[in-house]
């Protein structure tokens, strides 16, 4: 499995975990187009933070490499890399250096 697919699989695992705590009508979809930030997202600011922390942990578990999101940039801007699952995947791949570690 290539790095893009592995990162996307990690994100979808976090979606599954987050959805356990959301009402059925507010659950996140498993699509690269799923909105994580802004008016069309099912996540509030605390939900987005929890999602991001879970992603950081899942990526470290899977790749053995810690990543740290720039939360100040995300909150101050318009969501940046957290706009959609697809944009977050691309951001994580860039943080990992696009290199598969295992």
PDB file of N, CA and C in Angstrom:
ATOM      1  N   UNK A   1       0.854  -1.179   0.000  1.00  0.00           N
ATOM      2  CA  UNK A   1       0.000   0.000   0.000  1.00  0.00           C
ATOM      3  C   UNK A   1       0.894   1.234   0.000  1.00  0.00           C
ATOM      4  N   UNK A   2       0.605   2.183  -0.871  1.00  0.00           N
ATOM      5  CA  UNK A   2       1.419   3.390  -0.928  1.00  0.00           C
ATOM      6  C   UNK A   2       1.050   4.358   0.196  1.00  0.00           C
ATOM      7  N   UNK A   3       1.903   5.338   0.409  1.00  0.00           N
ATOM      8  CA  UNK A   3       1.752   6.239   1.555  1.00  0.00           C
ATOM      9  C   UNK A   3       0.419   6.987   1.534  1.00  0.00           C
ATOM     10  N   UNK A   4      -0.024   7.449   0.359  1.00  0.00           N
ATOM     11  CA  UNK A   4      -1.305   8.161   0.288  1.00  0.00           C
ATOM     12  C   UNK A   4      -2.451   7.278   0.761  1.00  0.00           C
ATOM     13  N   UNK A   5      -2.437   6.019   0.355  1.00  0.00           N
ATOM     14  CA  UNK A   5      -3.486   5.088   0.762  1.00  0.00           C
ATOM     15  C   UNK A   5      -3.403   4.773   2.252  1.00  0.00           C
ATOM     16  N   UNK A   6      -2.188   4.642   2.777  1.00  0.00           N
ATOM     17  CA  UNK A   6      -2.018   4.355   4.205  1.00  0.00           C
ATOM     18  C   UNK A   6      -2.497   5.520   5.071  1.00  0.00           C
ATOM     19  N   UNK A   7      -2.170   6.735   4.646  1.00  0.00           N
ATOM     20  CA  UNK A   7      -2.619   7.916   5.402  1.00  0.00           C
ATOM     21  C   UNK A   7      -4.137   8.015   5.343  1.00  0.00           C
ATOM     22  N   UNK A   8      -4.712   7.810   4.173  1.00  0.00           N
ATOM     23  CA  UNK A   8      -6.161   7.875   4.036  1.00  0.00           C
ATOM     24  C   UNK A   8      -6.836   6.805   4.901  1.00  0.00           C
ATOM     25  N   UNK A   9      -6.271   5.612   4.949  1.00  0.00           N
ATOM     26  CA  UNK A   9      -6.812   4.555   5.803  1.00  0.00           C
ATOM     27  C   UNK A   9      -6.779   4.971   7.275  1.00  0.00           C
ATOM     28  N   UNK A  10      -5.698   5.626   7.698  1.00  0.00           N
ATOM     29  CA  UNK A  10      -5.607   6.132   9.082  1.00  0.00           C
ATOM     30  C   UNK A  10      -6.698   7.164   9.351  1.00  0.00           C
ATOM     31  N   UNK A  11      -6.898   8.070   8.399  1.00  0.00           N
ATOM     32  CA  UNK A  11      -7.930   9.099   8.567  1.00  0.00           C
ATOM     33  C   UNK A  11      -9.314   8.471   8.672  1.00  0.00           C
ATOM     34  N   UNK A  12      -9.576   7.458   7.860  1.00  0.00           N
ATOM     35  CA  UNK A  12     -10.878   6.796   7.913  1.00  0.00           C
ATOM     36  C   UNK A  12     -11.067   6.040   9.227  1.00  0.00           C
ATOM     37  N   UNK A  13      -9.992   5.515   9.806  1.00  0.00           N
ATOM     38  CA  UNK A  13     -10.097   4.869  11.116  1.00  0.00           C
ATOM     39  C   UNK A  13     -10.478   5.893  12.175  1.00  0.00           C
ATOM     40  N   UNK A  14      -9.904   7.093  12.074  1.00  0.00           N
ATOM     41  CA  UNK A  14     -10.256   8.154  13.025  1.00  0.00           C
ATOM     42  C   UNK A  14     -11.706   8.585  12.813  1.00  0.00           C
ATOM     43  N   UNK A  15     -12.148   8.670  11.568  1.00  0.00           N
ATOM     44  CA  UNK A  15     -13.554   8.992  11.287  1.00  0.00           C
ATOM     45  C   UNK A  15     -14.456   7.978  11.995  1.00  0.00           C
ATOM     46  N   UNK A  16     -14.127   6.689  11.878  1.00  0.00           N
ATOM     47  CA  UNK A  16     -14.922   5.656  12.548  1.00  0.00           C
ATOM     48  C   UNK A  16     -14.966   5.884  14.056  1.00  0.00           C
ATOM     49  N   UNK A  17     -13.820   6.221  14.648  1.00  0.00           N
ATOM     50  CA  UNK A  17     -13.749   6.462  16.089  1.00  0.00           C
ATOM     51  C   UNK A  17     -14.573   7.679  16.492  1.00  0.00           C
ATOM     52  N   UNK A  18     -14.454   8.757  15.728  1.00  0.00           N
ATOM     53  CA  UNK A  18     -15.197   9.988  16.026  1.00  0.00           C
ATOM     54  C   UNK A  18     -16.693   9.761  15.867  1.00  0.00           C
ATOM     55  N   UNK A  19     -17.076   9.017  14.828  1.00  0.00           N
ATOM     56  CA  UNK A  19     -18.494   8.779  14.575  1.00  0.00           C
ATOM     57  C   UNK A  19     -19.188   8.025  15.703  1.00  0.00           C
ATOM     58  N   UNK A  20     -18.427   7.272  16.480  1.00  0.00           N
ATOM     59  CA  UNK A  20     -19.016   6.575  17.629  1.00  0.00           C
ATOM     60  C   UNK A  20     -19.600   7.554  18.644  1.00  0.00           C
ATOM     61  N   UNK A  21     -19.102   8.790  18.619  1.00  0.00           N
ATOM     62  CA  UNK A  21     -19.513   9.796  19.600  1.00  0.00           C
ATOM     63  C   UNK A  21     -20.440  10.857  19.015  1.00  0.00           C
ATOM     64  N   UNK A  22     -20.804  10.714  17.749  1.00  0.00           N
ATOM     65  CA  UNK A  22     -21.688  11.682  17.094  1.00  0.00           C
ATOM     66  C   UNK A  22     -23.065  11.073  16.866  1.00  0.00           C
ATOM     67  N   UNK A  23     -24.082  11.914  16.894  1.00  0.00           N
ATOM     68  CA  UNK A  23     -25.423  11.465  16.546  1.00  0.00           C
ATOM     69  C   UNK A  23     -25.410  10.985  15.096  1.00  0.00           C
ATOM     70  N   UNK A  24     -26.281  10.037  14.778  1.00  0.00           N
ATOM     71  CA  UNK A  24     -26.278   9.422  13.448  1.00  0.00           C
ATOM     72  C   UNK A  24     -26.422  10.451  12.327  1.00  0.00           C
ATOM     73  N   UNK A  25     -27.174  11.510  12.540  1.00  0.00           N
ATOM     74  CA  UNK A  25     -27.351  12.521  11.491  1.00  0.00           C
ATOM     75  C   UNK A  25     -26.155  13.470  11.366  1.00  0.00           C
ATOM     76  N   UNK A  26     -25.227  13.401  12.284  1.00  0.00           N
ATOM     77  CA  UNK A  26     -24.062  14.286  12.254  1.00  0.00           C
ATOM     78  C   UNK A  26     -22.769  13.551  11.932  1.00  0.00           C
ATOM     79  N   UNK A  27     -22.829  12.274  11.627  1.00  0.00           N
ATOM     80  CA  UNK A  27     -21.618  11.492  11.405  1.00  0.00           C
ATOM     81  C   UNK A  27     -20.868  11.953  10.164  1.00  0.00           C
ATOM     82  N   UNK A  28     -19.554  11.811  10.241  1.00  0.00           N
ATOM     83  CA  UNK A  28     -18.676  12.172   9.122  1.00  0.00           C
ATOM     84  C   UNK A  28     -18.692  11.070   8.073  1.00  0.00           C
ATOM     85  N   UNK A  29     -18.636  11.476   6.821  1.00  0.00           N
ATOM     86  CA  UNK A  29     -18.536  10.516   5.737  1.00  0.00           C
ATOM     87  C   UNK A  29     -17.089  10.131   5.493  1.00  0.00           C
ATOM     88  N   UNK A  30     -16.896   8.956   4.920  1.00  0.00           N
ATOM     89  CA  UNK A  30     -15.541   8.512   4.585  1.00  0.00           C
ATOM     90  C   UNK A  30     -15.310   8.798   3.105  1.00  0.00           C
ATOM     91  N   UNK A  31     -14.957  10.053   2.842  1.00  0.00           N
ATOM     92  CA  UNK A  31     -14.716  10.526   1.486  1.00  0.00           C
ATOM     93  C   UNK A  31     -13.640  11.602   1.550  1.00  0.00           C
ATOM     94  N   UNK A  32     -12.842  11.718   0.501  1.00  0.00           N
ATOM     95  CA  UNK A  32     -11.829  12.776   0.485  1.00  0.00           C
ATOM     96  C   UNK A  32     -12.471  14.154   0.456  1.00  0.00           C
ATOM     97  N   UNK A  33     -13.755  14.223   0.098  1.00  0.00           N
ATOM     98  CA  UNK A  33     -14.469  15.501   0.043  1.00  0.00           C
ATOM     99  C   UNK A  33     -15.176  15.864   1.338  1.00  0.00           C
ATOM    100  N   UNK A  34     -15.128  14.996   2.335  1.00  0.00           N
ATOM    101  CA  UNK A  34     -15.784  15.274   3.619  1.00  0.00           C
ATOM    102  C   UNK A  34     -15.183  16.515   4.248  1.00  0.00           C
ATOM    103  N   UNK A  35     -16.044  17.477   4.580  1.00  0.00           N
ATOM    104  CA  UNK A  35     -15.614  18.738   5.186  1.00  0.00           C
ATOM    105  C   UNK A  35     -15.307  18.528   6.667  1.00  0.00           C
ATOM    106  N   UNK A  36     -14.159  19.027   7.074  1.00  0.00           N
ATOM    107  CA  UNK A  36     -13.752  18.952   8.480  1.00  0.00           C
ATOM    108  C   UNK A  36     -13.833  20.310   9.162  1.00  0.00           C
ATOM    109  N   UNK A  37     -13.813  21.375   8.376  1.00  0.00           N
ATOM    110  CA  UNK A  37     -13.736  22.724   8.927  1.00  0.00           C
ATOM    111  C   UNK A  37     -14.765  23.600   8.215  1.00  0.00           C
ATOM    112  N   UNK A  38     -15.413  24.464   8.965  1.00  0.00           N
ATOM    113  CA  UNK A  38     -16.302  25.451   8.365  1.00  0.00           C
ATOM    114  C   UNK A  38     -17.772  25.097   8.500  1.00  0.00           C
ATOM    115  N   UNK A  39     -18.575  25.859   7.782  1.00  0.00           N
ATOM    116  CA  UNK A  39     -20.031  25.763   7.898  1.00  0.00           C
ATOM    117  C   UNK A  39     -20.596  24.400   7.527  1.00  0.00           C
ATOM    118  N   UNK A  40     -20.002  23.725   6.594  1.00  0.00           N
ATOM    119  CA  UNK A  40     -20.540  22.441   6.146  1.00  0.00           C
ATOM    120  C   UNK A  40     -19.946  21.247   6.884  1.00  0.00           C
ATOM    121  N   UNK A  41     -19.198  21.500   7.933  1.00  0.00           N
ATOM    122  CA  UNK A  41     -18.605  20.411   8.716  1.00  0.00           C
ATOM    123  C   UNK A  41     -19.526  20.028   9.863  1.00  0.00           C
ATOM    124  N   UNK A  42     -19.501  18.765  10.204  1.00  0.00           N
ATOM    125  CA  UNK A  42     -20.264  18.283  11.360  1.00  0.00           C
ATOM    126  C   UNK A  42     -19.485  18.475  12.655  1.00  0.00           C
ATOM    127  N   UNK A  43     -18.236  18.933  12.563  1.00  0.00           N
ATOM    128  CA  UNK A  43     -17.394  19.095  13.749  1.00  0.00           C
ATOM    129  C   UNK A  43     -17.417  20.535  14.234  1.00  0.00           C
ATOM    130  N   UNK A  44     -17.587  20.717  15.531  1.00  0.00           N
ATOM    131  CA  UNK A  44     -17.396  22.039  16.109  1.00  0.00           C
ATOM    132  C   UNK A  44     -15.904  22.191  16.405  1.00  0.00           C
ATOM    133  N   UNK A  45     -15.504  23.293  16.997  1.00  0.00           N
ATOM    134  CA  UNK A  45     -14.071  23.531  17.210  1.00  0.00           C
ATOM    135  C   UNK A  45     -13.449  22.477  18.126  1.00  0.00           C
ATOM    136  N   UNK A  46     -14.153  22.065  19.162  1.00  0.00           N
ATOM    137  CA  UNK A  46     -13.640  21.024  20.047  1.00  0.00           C
ATOM    138  C   UNK A  46     -13.577  19.681  19.313  1.00  0.00           C
ATOM    139  N   UNK A  47     -14.570  19.414  18.503  1.00  0.00           N
ATOM    140  CA  UNK A  47     -14.578  18.188  17.715  1.00  0.00           C
ATOM    141  C   UNK A  47     -13.425  18.141  16.726  1.00  0.00           C
ATOM    142  N   UNK A  48     -13.135  19.288  16.106  1.00  0.00           N
ATOM    143  CA  UNK A  48     -12.020  19.366  15.163  1.00  0.00           C
ATOM    144  C   UNK A  48     -10.695  19.135  15.887  1.00  0.00           C
ATOM    145  N   UNK A  49     -10.540  19.736  17.055  1.00  0.00           N
ATOM    146  CA  UNK A  49      -9.331  19.541  17.843  1.00  0.00           C
ATOM    147  C   UNK A  49      -9.179  18.070  18.243  1.00  0.00           C
ATOM    148  N   UNK A  50     -10.250  17.466  18.707  1.00  0.00           N
ATOM    149  CA  UNK A  50     -10.207  16.048  19.086  1.00  0.00           C
ATOM    150  C   UNK A  50      -9.870  15.175  17.885  1.00  0.00           C
ATOM    151  N   UNK A  51     -10.460  15.485  16.744  1.00  0.00           N
ATOM    152  CA  UNK A  51     -10.174  14.738  15.521  1.00  0.00           C
ATOM    153  C   UNK A  51      -8.690  14.835  15.187  1.00  0.00           C
ATOM    154  N   UNK A  52      -8.154  16.058  15.246  1.00  0.00           N
ATOM    155  CA  UNK A  52      -6.744  16.266  14.910  1.00  0.00           C
ATOM    156  C   UNK A  52      -5.797  15.547  15.844  1.00  0.00           C
ATOM    157  N   UNK A  53      -6.090  15.575  17.132  1.00  0.00           N
ATOM    158  CA  UNK A  53      -5.238  14.876  18.106  1.00  0.00           C
ATOM    159  C   UNK A  53      -5.284  13.369  17.846  1.00  0.00           C
ATOM    160  N   UNK A  54      -6.467  12.850  17.550  1.00  0.00           N
ATOM    161  CA  UNK A  54      -6.589  11.424  17.244  1.00  0.00           C
ATOM    162  C   UNK A  54      -5.814  11.070  15.974  1.00  0.00           C
ATOM    163  N   UNK A  55      -5.823  11.964  14.997  1.00  0.00           N
ATOM    164  CA  UNK A  55      -5.068  11.737  13.759  1.00  0.00           C
ATOM    165  C   UNK A  55      -3.572  11.719  14.047  1.00  0.00           C
ATOM    166  N   UNK A  56      -3.107  12.682  14.834  1.00  0.00           N
ATOM    167  CA  UNK A  56      -1.680  12.705  15.187  1.00  0.00           C
ATOM    168  C   UNK A  56      -1.255  11.384  15.817  1.00  0.00           C
ATOM    169  N   UNK A  57      -2.067  10.863  16.733  1.00  0.00           N
ATOM    170  CA  UNK A  57      -1.742   9.608  17.415  1.00  0.00           C
ATOM    171  C   UNK A  57      -1.793   8.430  16.449  1.00  0.00           C
ATOM    172  N   UNK A  58      -2.815   8.388  15.607  1.00  0.00           N
ATOM    173  CA  UNK A  58      -2.971   7.268  14.667  1.00  0.00           C
ATOM    174  C   UNK A  58      -1.811   7.245  13.671  1.00  0.00           C
ATOM    175  N   UNK A  59      -1.372   8.401  13.207  1.00  0.00           N
ATOM    176  CA  UNK A  59      -0.246   8.468  12.266  1.00  0.00           C
ATOM    177  C   UNK A  59       1.033   7.997  12.955  1.00  0.00           C
ATOM    178  N   UNK A  60       1.240   8.430  14.197  1.00  0.00           N
ATOM    179  CA  UNK A  60       2.432   7.986  14.926  1.00  0.00           C
ATOM    180  C   UNK A  60       2.403   6.467  15.130  1.00  0.00           C
ATOM    181  N   UNK A  61       1.243   5.934  15.467  1.00  0.00           N
ATOM    182  CA  UNK A  61       1.124   4.481  15.657  1.00  0.00           C
ATOM    183  C   UNK A  61       1.423   3.730  14.360  1.00  0.00           C
ATOM    184  N   UNK A  62       0.921   4.226  13.255  1.00  0.00           N
ATOM    185  CA  UNK A  62       1.042   3.529  11.970  1.00  0.00           C
ATOM    186  C   UNK A  62       2.425   3.685  11.338  1.00  0.00           C
ATOM    187  N   UNK A  63       2.983   4.900  11.422  1.00  0.00           N
ATOM    188  CA  UNK A  63       4.223   5.193  10.716  1.00  0.00           C
ATOM    189  C   UNK A  63       5.443   5.262  11.620  1.00  0.00           C
ATOM    190  N   UNK A  64       5.228   5.274  12.937  1.00  0.00           N
ATOM    191  CA  UNK A  64       6.347   5.367  13.857  1.00  0.00           C
ATOM    192  C   UNK A  64       7.033   6.727  13.814  1.00  0.00           C
ATOM    193  N   UNK A  65       6.314   7.721  13.351  1.00  0.00           N
ATOM    194  CA  UNK A  65       6.860   9.073  13.248  1.00  0.00           C
ATOM    195  C   UNK A  65       5.820  10.051  13.779  1.00  0.00           C
ATOM    196  N   UNK A  66       6.247  10.870  14.729  1.00  0.00           N
ATOM    197  CA  UNK A  66       5.333  11.855  15.301  1.00  0.00           C
ATOM    198  C   UNK A  66       5.175  13.036  14.345  1.00  0.00           C
ATOM    199  N   UNK A  67       3.941  13.449  14.172  1.00  0.00           N
ATOM    200  CA  UNK A  67       3.668  14.682  13.436  1.00  0.00           C
ATOM    201  C   UNK A  67       2.966  15.623  14.397  1.00  0.00           C
ATOM    202  N   UNK A  68       3.146  16.906  14.189  1.00  0.00           N
ATOM    203  CA  UNK A  68       2.513  17.905  15.037  1.00  0.00           C
ATOM    204  C   UNK A  68       1.877  18.941  14.120  1.00  0.00           C
ATOM    205  N   UNK A  69       0.575  19.105  14.266  1.00  0.00           N
ATOM    206  CA  UNK A  69      -0.132  20.094  13.464  1.00  0.00           C
ATOM    207  C   UNK A  69       0.096  21.485  14.023  1.00  0.00           C
ATOM    208  N   UNK A  70       0.124  22.479  13.165  1.00  0.00           N
ATOM    209  CA  UNK A  70       0.246  23.878  13.559  1.00  0.00           C
ATOM    210  C   UNK A  70      -1.164  24.395  13.845  1.00  0.00           C
ATOM    211  N   UNK A  71      -1.633  24.154  15.082  1.00  0.00           N
ATOM    212  CA  UNK A  71      -3.008  24.488  15.439  1.00  0.00           C
ATOM    213  C   UNK A  71      -3.286  25.973  15.357  1.00  0.00           C
ATOM    214  N   UNK A  72      -2.319  26.794  15.692  1.00  0.00           N
ATOM    215  CA  UNK A  72      -2.528  28.245  15.629  1.00  0.00           C
ATOM    216  C   UNK A  72      -2.833  28.680  14.212  1.00  0.00           C
ATOM    217  N   UNK A  73      -2.103  28.141  13.251  1.00  0.00           N
ATOM    218  CA  UNK A  73      -2.333  28.465  11.849  1.00  0.00           C
ATOM    219  C   UNK A  73      -3.703  27.964  11.400  1.00  0.00           C
ATOM    220  N   UNK A  74      -4.084  26.787  11.845  1.00  0.00           N
ATOM    221  CA  UNK A  74      -5.372  26.199  11.457  1.00  0.00           C
ATOM    222  C   UNK A  74      -6.524  27.026  12.007  1.00  0.00           C
ATOM    223  N   UNK A  75      -6.440  27.389  13.276  1.00  0.00           N
ATOM    224  CA  UNK A  75      -7.519  28.139  13.920  1.00  0.00           C
ATOM    225  C   UNK A  75      -7.574  29.578  13.416  1.00  0.00           C
ATOM    226  N   UNK A  76      -6.423  30.197  13.205  1.00  0.00           N
ATOM    227  CA  UNK A  76      -6.387  31.587  12.776  1.00  0.00           C
ATOM    228  C   UNK A  76      -6.822  31.745  11.323  1.00  0.00           C
ATOM    229  N   UNK A  77      -6.564  30.735  10.515  1.00  0.00           N
ATOM    230  CA  UNK A  77      -6.913  30.810   9.102  1.00  0.00           C
ATOM    231  C   UNK A  77      -8.310  30.298   8.848  1.00  0.00           C
ATOM    232  N   UNK A  78      -8.513  29.821   7.659  1.00  0.00           N
ATOM    233  CA  UNK A  78      -9.820  29.296   7.286  1.00  0.00           C
ATOM    234  C   UNK A  78      -9.789  27.771   7.269  1.00  0.00           C
ATOM    235  N   UNK A  79      -9.054  27.182   8.174  1.00  0.00           N
ATOM    236  CA  UNK A  79      -8.994  25.742   8.267  1.00  0.00           C
ATOM    237  C   UNK A  79      -7.798  25.152   7.562  1.00  0.00           C
ATOM    238  N   UNK A  80      -7.232  25.903   6.613  1.00  0.00           N
ATOM    239  CA  UNK A  80      -6.044  25.446   5.915  1.00  0.00           C
ATOM    240  C   UNK A  80      -6.147  24.012   5.462  1.00  0.00           C
ATOM    241  N   UNK A  81      -5.250  23.205   5.937  1.00  0.00           N
ATOM    242  CA  UNK A  81      -5.168  21.804   5.550  1.00  0.00           C
ATOM    243  C   UNK A  81      -6.318  20.975   6.101  1.00  0.00           C
ATOM    244  N   UNK A  82      -7.102  21.536   6.997  1.00  0.00           N
ATOM    245  CA  UNK A  82      -8.206  20.800   7.598  1.00  0.00           C
ATOM    246  C   UNK A  82      -9.543  21.056   6.895  1.00  0.00           C
ATOM    247  N   UNK A  83      -9.526  21.628   5.711  1.00  0.00           N
ATOM    248  CA  UNK A  83     -10.772  21.868   4.984  1.00  0.00           C
ATOM    249  C   UNK A  83     -11.520  20.570   4.715  1.00  0.00           C
ATOM    250  N   UNK A  84     -10.824  19.579   4.173  1.00  0.00           N
ATOM    251  CA  UNK A  84     -11.438  18.297   3.834  1.00  0.00           C
ATOM    252  C   UNK A  84     -10.503  17.156   4.238  1.00  0.00           C
ATOM    253  N   UNK A  85     -11.018  15.953   4.208  1.00  0.00           N
ATOM    254  CA  UNK A  85     -10.170  14.795   4.473  1.00  0.00           C
ATOM    255  C   UNK A  85      -9.065  14.713   3.427  1.00  0.00           C
ATOM    256  N   UNK A  86      -9.384  15.032   2.187  1.00  0.00           N
ATOM    257  CA  UNK A  86      -8.380  14.988   1.121  1.00  0.00           C
ATOM    258  C   UNK A  86      -7.252  15.976   1.333  1.00  0.00           C
ATOM    259  N   UNK A  87      -7.580  17.213   1.728  1.00  0.00           N
ATOM    260  CA  UNK A  87      -6.529  18.207   1.954  1.00  0.00           C
ATOM    261  C   UNK A  87      -5.697  17.850   3.183  1.00  0.00           C
ATOM    262  N   UNK A  88      -6.331  17.254   4.186  1.00  0.00           N
ATOM    263  CA  UNK A  88      -5.595  16.817   5.371  1.00  0.00           C
ATOM    264  C   UNK A  88      -4.654  15.667   5.014  1.00  0.00           C
ATOM    265  N   UNK A  89      -5.117  14.743   4.189  1.00  0.00           N
ATOM    266  CA  UNK A  89      -4.266  13.638   3.736  1.00  0.00           C
ATOM    267  C   UNK A  89      -3.023  14.179   3.041  1.00  0.00           C
ATOM    268  N   UNK A  90      -3.207  15.130   2.130  1.00  0.00           N
ATOM    269  CA  UNK A  90      -2.076  15.712   1.405  1.00  0.00           C
ATOM    270  C   UNK A  90      -1.093  16.390   2.356  1.00  0.00           C
ATOM    271  N   UNK A  91      -1.629  17.101   3.353  1.00  0.00           N
ATOM    272  CA  UNK A  91      -0.795  17.784   4.340  1.00  0.00           C
ATOM    273  C   UNK A  91       0.017  16.777   5.156  1.00  0.00           C
ATOM    274  N   UNK A  92      -0.620  15.706   5.580  1.00  0.00           N
ATOM    275  CA  UNK A  92       0.074  14.687   6.376  1.00  0.00           C
ATOM    276  C   UNK A  92       1.167  14.017   5.546  1.00  0.00           C
ATOM    277  N   UNK A  93       0.872  13.697   4.299  1.00  0.00           N
ATOM    278  CA  UNK A  93       1.879  13.092   3.427  1.00  0.00           C
ATOM    279  C   UNK A  93       3.080  14.018   3.309  1.00  0.00           C
ATOM    280  N   UNK A  94       2.825  15.333   3.202  1.00  0.00           N
ATOM    281  CA  UNK A  94       3.948  16.277   3.119  1.00  0.00           C
ATOM    282  C   UNK A  94       4.732  16.327   4.429  1.00  0.00           C
ATOM    283  N   UNK A  95       4.037  16.229   5.581  1.00  0.00           N
ATOM    284  CA  UNK A  95       4.730  16.209   6.873  1.00  0.00           C
ATOM    285  C   UNK A  95       5.588  14.965   7.026  1.00  0.00           C
ATOM    286  N   UNK A  96       5.108  13.872   6.462  1.00  0.00           N
ATOM    287  CA  UNK A  96       5.859  12.613   6.529  1.00  0.00           C
ATOM    288  C   UNK A  96       6.986  12.581   5.502  1.00  0.00           C
ATOM    289  N   UNK A  97       7.044  13.587   4.682  1.00  0.00           N
ATOM    290  CA  UNK A  97       8.089  13.653   3.671  1.00  0.00           C
ATOM    291  C   UNK A  97       7.826  12.773   2.466  1.00  0.00           C
ATOM    292  N   UNK A  98       6.588  12.275   2.361  1.00  0.00           N
ATOM    293  CA  UNK A  98       6.224  11.442   1.238  1.00  0.00           C
ATOM    294  C   UNK A  98       6.974  10.124   1.196  1.00  0.00           C
ATOM    295  N   UNK A  99       7.637   9.796   2.298  1.00  0.00           N
ATOM    296  CA  UNK A  99       8.443   8.574   2.351  1.00  0.00           C
ATOM    297  C   UNK A  99       7.749   7.556   3.231  1.00  0.00           C
ATOM    298  N   UNK A 100       7.634   6.360   2.740  1.00  0.00           N
ATOM    299  CA  UNK A 100       7.010   5.287   3.500  1.00  0.00           C
ATOM    300  C   UNK A 100       7.998   4.729   4.503  1.00  0.00           C
ATOM    301  N   UNK A 101       7.586   4.653   5.764  1.00  0.00           N
ATOM    302  CA  UNK A 101       8.476   4.172   6.826  1.00  0.00           C
ATOM    303  C   UNK A 101       8.172   2.756   7.260  1.00  0.00           C
ATOM    304  N   UNK A 102       7.328   2.067   6.586  1.00  0.00           N
ATOM    305  CA  UNK A 102       7.033   0.713   7.025  1.00  0.00           C
ATOM    306  C   UNK A 102       5.705   0.346   6.752  1.00  0.00           C
TER     307      UNK A 102
END
